[in-house]
């Protein structure tokens, strides 16, 4: 056997992908990096700020300071603080001099409302995890496995073609058979290609992904509107007039009609609300961008695999409206590109193909491997 044939044999044997040592299903990412970042920020930020607020409440003690009359004892002053904190009702007068009341209860429940916000932000993730992730996981495992197997089949086919070409006494007859086999699609991978084509006609994953982003967008907008409402109506009311002339104290003449009080935690709640609101406003374009990803195809990955024989999902114009399950799968294949071993190999071959002068002679991985095997000298030029 000549040195060139021996070198070609080693090159083709090295091109084969090894069998994965463990189950690749455990390492698959079922969330896009941007979705993972959104989940971490939208859920983690309110929980973190609420924990700081509760820590300050437990360490600082009373959250209200009322200015009781000087003749009140310590126990009476403590009672005033407790009664005004329990009621949180501001008593005042309007422009006509009529008595009006304004409830400040939203300040008391503000930390708990942020807990509700965190739970709401987690709901879209739960929807995706239980409604879409299992089906997506099985799709990714099958497609990644089939893409790697398709690459290995192509390399083995090249090995077989090389042996047949070496044993052939009529080189021109060999290339005629090769061209006829390509025209009649003997090299196609019908299972994988038909599976991907079938995914163009299903929309369950795309629907759930869009619904997830719409819910997240709705919750973000609702939270921002809630914080705006608090700032316009309550978060400028750090001082209020409290009335304790109720119950047994209603007829006591020495108790004043109104007692001025000040909210100690007011500035902290203002800072928390501004932080949450500003971050959520900045996240709104990110959510919109995630939803709009389905409006265009990610053709980069499939275009690399078109180097495989008869894998021409793109060139045959089979890609129609991008809002379908196949486009969602392509997005997650891109996120799991490290699990797709054949992609890096084919990407390198694609780069070499782009740098080759005679590009018309290298249009599939079979042509490229044939070129490496030293068969181009006998291949007829077109």
Protein backbone atom coordinates (compact mmCIF):
# COMPACT_ATOMS: atom_id res chain seq x y z
CA UNK A 1 0.00 0.00 0.00
CA UNK A 2 1.39 3.41 -0.95
CA UNK A 3 2.23 6.08 1.61
CA UNK A 4 -0.61 8.35 0.39
CA UNK A 5 -3.15 5.54 0.78
CA UNK A 6 -1.90 4.78 4.29
CA UNK A 7 -2.09 8.45 5.26
CA UNK A 8 -5.61 8.70 3.86
CA UNK A 9 -6.67 5.62 5.83
CA UNK A 10 -5.47 7.18 9.08
CA UNK A 11 -7.09 10.52 8.29
CA UNK A 12 -10.45 8.93 7.61
CA UNK A 13 -10.31 6.73 10.70
CA UNK A 14 -9.48 9.78 12.84
CA UNK A 15 -12.46 11.63 11.41
CA UNK A 16 -14.92 9.22 13.04
CA UNK A 17 -16.52 10.47 16.25
CA UNK A 18 -16.04 8.28 19.33
CA UNK A 19 -19.09 6.97 21.10
CA UNK A 20 -20.08 9.21 24.01
CA UNK A 21 -18.80 7.79 27.27
CA UNK A 22 -21.81 8.71 29.37
CA UNK A 23 -25.38 9.77 28.82
CA UNK A 24 -25.38 13.16 27.13
CA UNK A 25 -28.99 13.66 28.24
CA UNK A 26 -27.86 14.77 31.70
CA UNK A 27 -25.81 17.68 30.36
CA UNK A 28 -28.46 19.21 28.10
CA UNK A 29 -29.51 22.78 28.83
CA UNK A 30 -33.26 23.18 28.62
CA UNK A 31 -33.13 26.94 29.10
CA UNK A 32 -31.55 29.56 26.89
CA UNK A 33 -28.84 31.68 28.56
CA UNK A 34 -31.01 34.81 28.33
CA UNK A 35 -33.98 32.98 29.89
CA UNK A 36 -31.79 31.70 32.70
CA UNK A 37 -30.54 35.24 33.37
CA UNK A 38 -34.10 36.56 33.40
CA UNK A 39 -35.21 33.92 35.88
CA UNK A 40 -32.26 34.63 38.17
CA UNK A 41 -32.83 38.40 38.19
CA UNK A 42 -36.63 38.58 38.22
CA UNK A 43 -37.00 36.02 41.00
CA UNK A 44 -33.79 36.60 42.94
CA UNK A 45 -33.84 40.40 43.13
CA UNK A 46 -37.14 40.84 45.04
CA UNK A 47 -36.29 37.93 47.33
CA UNK A 48 -32.90 39.46 48.13
CA UNK A 49 -34.31 42.94 48.80
CA UNK A 50 -37.19 41.57 50.88
CA UNK A 51 -34.73 39.61 53.02
CA UNK A 52 -32.80 42.83 53.62
CA UNK A 53 -36.02 44.62 54.57
CA UNK A 54 -37.03 41.89 57.00
CA UNK A 55 -33.52 41.80 58.48
CA UNK A 56 -33.68 45.54 59.08
CA UNK A 57 -37.16 45.23 60.62
CA UNK A 58 -36.01 42.57 63.08
CA UNK A 59 -32.81 44.44 63.96
CA UNK A 60 -34.24 47.97 64.17
CA UNK A 61 -37.34 47.06 66.15
CA UNK A 62 -40.36 49.35 65.74
CA UNK A 63 -41.02 50.60 62.23
CA UNK A 64 -42.95 53.66 63.39
CA UNK A 65 -42.20 56.58 65.70
CA UNK A 66 -45.11 58.58 67.12
CA UNK A 67 -44.75 61.86 69.00
CA UNK A 68 -46.92 61.23 72.04
CA UNK A 69 -47.81 64.07 74.46
CA UNK A 70 -45.23 64.73 77.17
CA UNK A 71 -47.63 63.68 79.90
CA UNK A 72 -47.80 60.13 78.50
CA UNK A 73 -45.99 57.40 80.34
CA UNK A 74 -43.67 54.92 78.61
CA UNK A 75 -46.38 52.28 78.39
CA UNK A 76 -48.82 54.80 76.94
CA UNK A 77 -46.28 55.86 74.31
CA UNK A 78 -45.67 52.21 73.40
CA UNK A 79 -49.42 51.72 73.08
CA UNK A 80 -49.67 54.71 70.74
CA UNK A 81 -46.91 53.30 68.52
CA UNK A 82 -48.59 49.90 68.40
CA UNK A 83 -52.08 51.26 67.75
CA UNK A 84 -50.93 53.61 64.98
CA UNK A 85 -48.86 50.86 63.32
CA UNK A 86 -51.87 48.52 63.41
CA UNK A 87 -54.20 51.10 61.85
CA UNK A 88 -51.85 52.99 59.47
CA UNK A 89 -54.60 55.48 58.61
CA UNK A 90 -53.76 59.11 57.92
CA UNK A 91 -56.34 61.62 59.20
CA UNK A 92 -56.34 65.04 57.57
CA UNK A 93 -58.48 67.76 56.04
CA UNK A 94 -59.08 68.63 52.41
CA UNK A 95 -59.15 72.11 50.88
CA UNK A 96 -62.75 72.64 51.99
CA UNK A 97 -61.89 71.74 55.57
CA UNK A 98 -63.64 68.39 55.60
CA UNK A 99 -62.04 65.49 57.43
CA UNK A 100 -60.57 62.82 55.14
CA UNK A 101 -58.79 59.55 55.81
CA UNK A 102 -56.16 57.76 53.75
CA UNK A 103 -55.08 54.19 54.32
CA UNK A 104 -51.34 53.48 54.28
CA UNK A 105 -51.71 49.73 54.53
CA UNK A 106 -49.86 49.19 51.26
CA UNK A 107 -46.66 50.15 53.10
CA UNK A 108 -47.20 47.43 55.66
CA UNK A 109 -47.80 44.73 53.07
CA UNK A 110 -45.12 46.00 50.67
CA UNK A 111 -42.49 43.35 51.63
CA UNK A 112 -45.08 40.60 51.30
CA UNK A 113 -46.20 41.96 47.92
CA UNK A 114 -42.62 41.57 46.70
CA UNK A 115 -42.75 37.94 47.77
CA UNK A 116 -45.88 37.58 45.63
CA UNK A 117 -44.00 39.24 42.76
CA UNK A 118 -41.17 36.70 43.10
CA UNK A 119 -43.67 33.82 43.00
CA UNK A 120 -45.36 35.28 39.91
CA UNK A 121 -42.01 35.65 38.15
CA UNK A 122 -41.31 31.98 38.84
CA UNK A 123 -44.58 30.80 37.27
CA UNK A 124 -43.42 31.16 33.62
CA UNK A 125 -40.38 29.03 34.44
CA UNK A 126 -42.62 26.34 35.97
CA UNK A 127 -44.83 26.45 32.87
CA UNK A 128 -41.83 25.83 30.62
CA UNK A 129 -40.32 23.18 32.89
CA UNK A 130 -43.39 20.98 33.13
CA UNK A 131 -45.23 21.72 29.87
CA UNK A 132 -42.38 21.95 27.34
CA UNK A 133 -39.04 20.81 28.78
CA UNK A 134 -39.76 17.02 28.73
CA UNK A 135 -40.72 17.05 25.02
CA UNK A 136 -37.83 19.36 24.19
CA UNK A 137 -35.41 17.10 26.05
CA UNK A 138 -36.40 14.03 24.05
CA UNK A 139 -36.21 16.00 20.79
CA UNK A 140 -32.72 17.30 21.55
CA UNK A 141 -31.40 13.87 22.57
CA UNK A 142 -32.69 12.27 19.37
CA UNK A 143 -31.56 15.06 17.00
CA UNK A 144 -28.08 15.45 18.51
CA UNK A 145 -27.57 11.71 18.41
CA UNK A 146 -28.77 11.47 14.80
CA UNK A 147 -26.64 14.42 13.63
CA UNK A 148 -23.50 12.81 15.06
CA UNK A 149 -24.49 9.45 13.57
CA UNK A 150 -25.11 11.09 10.19
CA UNK A 151 -21.60 12.51 10.28
CA UNK A 152 -20.15 9.10 11.12
CA UNK A 153 -22.17 7.46 8.33
CA UNK A 154 -20.74 9.97 5.88
CA UNK A 155 -17.18 9.23 6.96
CA UNK A 156 -17.74 5.48 6.75
CA UNK A 157 -19.25 5.97 3.32
CA UNK A 158 -16.13 7.82 2.25
CA UNK A 159 -14.00 4.96 3.56
CA UNK A 160 -16.06 2.48 1.56
CA UNK A 161 -15.94 4.66 -1.56
CA UNK A 162 -12.19 4.93 -1.26
CA UNK A 163 -11.81 1.15 -1.13
CA UNK A 164 -14.16 0.71 -4.08
CA UNK A 165 -12.26 3.33 -6.07
CA UNK A 166 -8.95 1.65 -5.36
CA UNK A 167 -10.32 -1.70 -6.50
CA UNK A 168 -12.00 -0.24 -9.59
CA UNK A 169 -10.28 -0.77 -12.94
CA UNK A 170 -12.40 1.91 -14.63
CA UNK A 171 -12.14 5.27 -12.77
CA UNK A 172 -14.59 6.98 -15.09
CA UNK A 173 -17.21 4.28 -14.40
CA UNK A 174 -16.73 4.80 -10.64
CA UNK A 175 -17.40 8.54 -10.86
CA UNK A 176 -20.43 7.98 -13.05
CA UNK A 177 -21.89 5.65 -10.42
CA UNK A 178 -21.07 8.19 -7.74
CA UNK A 179 -22.88 11.02 -9.57
CA UNK A 180 -25.87 8.79 -10.27
CA UNK A 181 -26.09 7.78 -6.61
CA UNK A 182 -26.14 11.44 -5.60
CA UNK A 183 -28.85 12.28 -8.11
CA UNK A 184 -31.02 9.40 -6.94
CA UNK A 185 -30.43 10.36 -3.27
CA UNK A 186 -28.86 7.09 -2.18
CA UNK A 187 -26.88 8.99 0.44
CA UNK A 188 -29.80 10.66 2.21
CA UNK A 189 -30.72 10.27 5.89
CA UNK A 190 -34.53 10.06 5.67
CA UNK A 191 -35.27 9.56 9.37
CA UNK A 192 -33.52 12.70 10.59
CA UNK A 193 -34.53 14.94 7.72
CA UNK A 194 -38.17 13.86 7.83
CA UNK A 195 -38.22 14.30 11.60
CA UNK A 196 -36.96 17.88 11.26
CA UNK A 197 -39.48 18.50 8.49
CA UNK A 198 -42.27 17.16 10.70
CA UNK A 199 -41.26 19.59 13.46
CA UNK A 200 -42.00 22.47 11.09
CA UNK A 201 -45.69 21.56 11.23
CA UNK A 202 -46.01 21.41 15.02
CA UNK A 203 -46.30 24.50 17.21
CA UNK A 204 -46.64 23.30 20.80
CA UNK A 205 -43.09 24.26 21.88
CA UNK A 206 -43.30 27.60 20.07
CA UNK A 207 -46.68 28.36 21.66
CA UNK A 208 -45.45 27.58 25.18
CA UNK A 209 -42.24 29.57 24.65
CA UNK A 210 -44.17 32.62 23.43
CA UNK A 211 -46.71 32.21 26.25
CA UNK A 212 -43.86 32.04 28.76
CA UNK A 213 -42.42 35.32 27.53
CA UNK A 214 -45.83 36.99 27.33
CA UNK A 215 -46.60 36.01 30.92
CA UNK A 216 -43.22 37.30 32.05
CA UNK A 217 -43.79 40.52 30.12
CA UNK A 218 -47.23 40.90 31.71
CA UNK A 219 -45.92 40.32 35.24
CA UNK A 220 -43.03 42.75 34.73
CA UNK A 221 -45.37 45.45 33.42
CA UNK A 222 -47.89 44.84 36.22
CA UNK A 223 -45.13 45.08 38.85
CA UNK A 224 -43.85 48.34 37.38
CA UNK A 225 -47.38 49.80 37.35
CA UNK A 226 -47.89 48.69 40.96
CA UNK A 227 -44.68 50.41 42.04
CA UNK A 228 -45.65 53.57 40.15
CA UNK A 229 -49.00 53.54 41.95
CA UNK A 230 -47.26 53.24 45.32
CA UNK A 231 -44.93 56.14 44.55
CA UNK A 232 -47.70 58.43 43.33
CA UNK A 233 -50.11 57.69 46.17
CA UNK A 234 -48.21 56.50 49.22
CA UNK A 235 -44.43 56.73 48.91
CA UNK A 236 -44.50 60.48 49.50
CA UNK A 237 -46.38 60.05 52.77
CA UNK A 238 -43.62 59.41 55.31
CA UNK A 239 -45.48 61.38 58.02
CA UNK A 240 -49.13 61.02 58.94
CA UNK A 241 -51.62 61.94 61.64
CA UNK A 242 -52.91 59.06 63.70
CA UNK A 243 -56.04 58.94 65.81
CA UNK A 244 -56.25 56.68 68.85
CA UNK A 245 -59.57 58.00 70.16
CA UNK A 246 -61.33 54.72 69.61
CA UNK A 247 -62.91 52.18 71.88
CA UNK A 248 -62.38 52.87 75.58
CA UNK A 249 -60.22 55.94 74.82
CA UNK A 250 -62.88 57.68 72.74
CA UNK A 251 -64.27 59.66 75.68
CA UNK A 252 -60.92 60.51 77.32
CA UNK A 253 -60.55 64.31 77.27
CA UNK A 254 -56.76 64.39 77.85
CA UNK A 255 -55.99 62.41 74.69
CA UNK A 256 -55.39 64.67 71.66
CA UNK A 257 -57.48 64.28 68.54
CA UNK A 258 -54.49 63.46 66.29
CA UNK A 259 -50.97 62.28 67.09
CA UNK A 260 -48.20 62.90 64.50
CA UNK A 261 -46.23 59.80 63.48
CA UNK A 262 -43.29 59.12 61.21
CA UNK A 263 -42.48 55.92 59.33
CA UNK A 264 -38.92 54.86 60.15
CA UNK A 265 -38.60 52.34 57.26
CA UNK A 266 -39.92 54.72 54.61
CA UNK A 267 -36.61 55.51 52.88
CA UNK A 268 -35.70 51.81 52.78
CA UNK A 269 -38.94 50.90 51.03
CA UNK A 270 -38.44 53.76 48.58
CA UNK A 271 -34.98 52.47 47.70
CA UNK A 272 -36.24 48.89 47.31
CA UNK A 273 -39.11 49.90 45.05
CA UNK A 274 -36.88 52.09 42.87
CA UNK A 275 -34.33 49.27 42.53
CA UNK A 276 -36.90 46.66 41.57
CA UNK A 277 -38.74 48.99 39.21
CA UNK A 278 -35.65 50.23 37.36
CA UNK A 279 -34.26 46.70 36.89
CA UNK A 280 -37.61 45.37 35.67
CA UNK A 281 -37.95 48.23 33.17
CA UNK A 282 -34.50 47.37 31.79
CA UNK A 283 -35.54 43.70 31.47
CA UNK A 284 -38.61 44.45 29.37
CA UNK A 285 -36.61 44.76 26.09
CA UNK A 286 -34.79 41.50 26.91
CA UNK A 287 -38.10 39.63 27.20
CA UNK A 288 -39.35 41.16 23.95
CA UNK A 289 -36.11 40.16 22.22
CA UNK A 290 -36.46 36.57 23.46
CA UNK A 291 -39.98 36.35 22.05
CA UNK A 292 -38.91 37.87 18.72
CA UNK A 293 -36.15 35.28 18.26
CA UNK A 294 -38.79 32.98 16.78
CA UNK A 295 -39.49 35.47 13.99
CA UNK A 296 -36.35 34.51 12.08
CA UNK A 297 -34.55 31.25 11.35
CA UNK A 298 -31.20 30.35 12.86
CA UNK A 299 -29.79 28.97 9.60
CA UNK A 300 -26.16 28.85 10.69
CA UNK A 301 -26.32 25.41 12.26
CA UNK A 302 -28.28 23.65 9.52
CA UNK A 303 -26.19 25.27 6.79
CA UNK A 304 -23.09 23.56 8.22
CA UNK A 305 -24.84 20.19 8.15
CA UNK A 306 -25.82 20.68 4.52
CA UNK A 307 -22.30 19.49 3.77
CA UNK A 308 -23.59 16.02 4.58
CA UNK A 309 -24.95 14.25 1.50
CA UNK A 310 -28.61 14.96 0.73
CA UNK A 311 -29.09 16.96 3.92
CA UNK A 312 -30.60 19.92 2.10
CA UNK A 313 -33.42 21.12 4.31
CA UNK A 314 -32.43 24.71 3.57
CA UNK A 315 -31.49 24.47 -0.11
CA UNK A 316 -34.83 22.87 -1.01
CA UNK A 317 -36.62 25.88 0.57
CA UNK A 318 -38.40 23.69 3.09
CA UNK A 319 -38.14 26.30 5.84
CA UNK A 320 -41.44 28.18 5.91
CA UNK A 321 -42.86 30.35 8.70
CA UNK A 322 -40.27 30.41 11.51
CA UNK A 323 -42.81 30.31 14.35
CA UNK A 324 -42.78 26.53 14.83
CA UNK A 325 -41.15 23.85 16.96
CA UNK A 326 -38.20 23.36 14.62
CA UNK A 327 -37.02 26.93 15.18
CA UNK A 328 -37.29 26.47 18.95
CA UNK A 329 -35.24 23.27 18.67
CA UNK A 330 -32.61 25.10 16.60
CA UNK A 331 -32.31 27.77 19.30
CA UNK A 332 -31.71 25.11 21.94
CA UNK A 333 -29.33 23.18 19.69
CA UNK A 334 -27.29 26.37 19.51
CA UNK A 335 -27.34 26.58 23.32
CA UNK A 336 -26.20 22.93 23.52
CA UNK A 337 -23.58 23.16 20.80
CA UNK A 338 -20.96 21.68 23.13
CA UNK A 339 -22.93 18.41 23.15
CA UNK A 340 -22.94 18.32 19.32
CA UNK A 341 -19.47 16.92 18.63
CA UNK A 342 -19.87 16.73 14.87
CA UNK A 343 -20.59 20.46 14.56
CA UNK A 344 -17.03 21.54 15.35
CA UNK A 345 -15.65 19.01 12.84
CA UNK A 346 -17.98 20.10 10.07
CA UNK A 347 -17.46 23.75 10.91
CA UNK A 348 -13.72 23.31 10.39
CA UNK A 349 -14.35 21.52 7.08
CA UNK A 350 -16.68 24.36 6.09
CA UNK A 351 -13.95 26.91 6.81
CA UNK A 352 -11.52 24.96 4.64
CA UNK A 353 -14.12 24.74 1.90
CA UNK A 354 -14.54 28.51 1.95
CA UNK A 355 -10.79 28.94 1.56
CA UNK A 356 -10.51 26.46 -1.35
CA UNK A 357 -9.98 27.87 -4.84
CA UNK A 358 -11.98 25.23 -6.73
CA UNK A 359 -15.15 25.46 -4.69
CA UNK A 360 -17.23 23.82 -7.39
CA UNK A 361 -15.43 20.54 -6.73
CA UNK A 362 -16.14 20.50 -2.98
CA UNK A 363 -19.82 20.76 -2.08
CA UNK A 364 -20.30 17.97 0.46
CA UNK A 365 -18.22 16.34 3.14
CA UNK A 366 -17.86 13.32 0.83
CA UNK A 367 -16.17 15.49 -1.77
CA UNK A 368 -13.88 16.95 0.86
CA UNK A 369 -12.95 13.59 2.34
CA UNK A 370 -12.43 12.25 -1.17
CA UNK A 371 -10.08 15.15 -1.81
CA UNK A 372 -8.15 14.26 1.34
CA UNK A 373 -7.96 10.62 0.26
CA UNK A 374 -6.04 11.55 -2.88
CA UNK A 375 -8.81 10.68 -5.35
CA UNK A 376 -9.11 14.13 -6.93
CA UNK A 377 -6.55 13.30 -9.60
CA UNK A 378 -8.98 10.92 -11.26
CA UNK A 379 -12.16 12.88 -10.61
CA UNK A 380 -13.42 14.54 -13.78
CA UNK A 381 -13.48 18.34 -13.63
CA UNK A 382 -16.80 20.05 -14.38
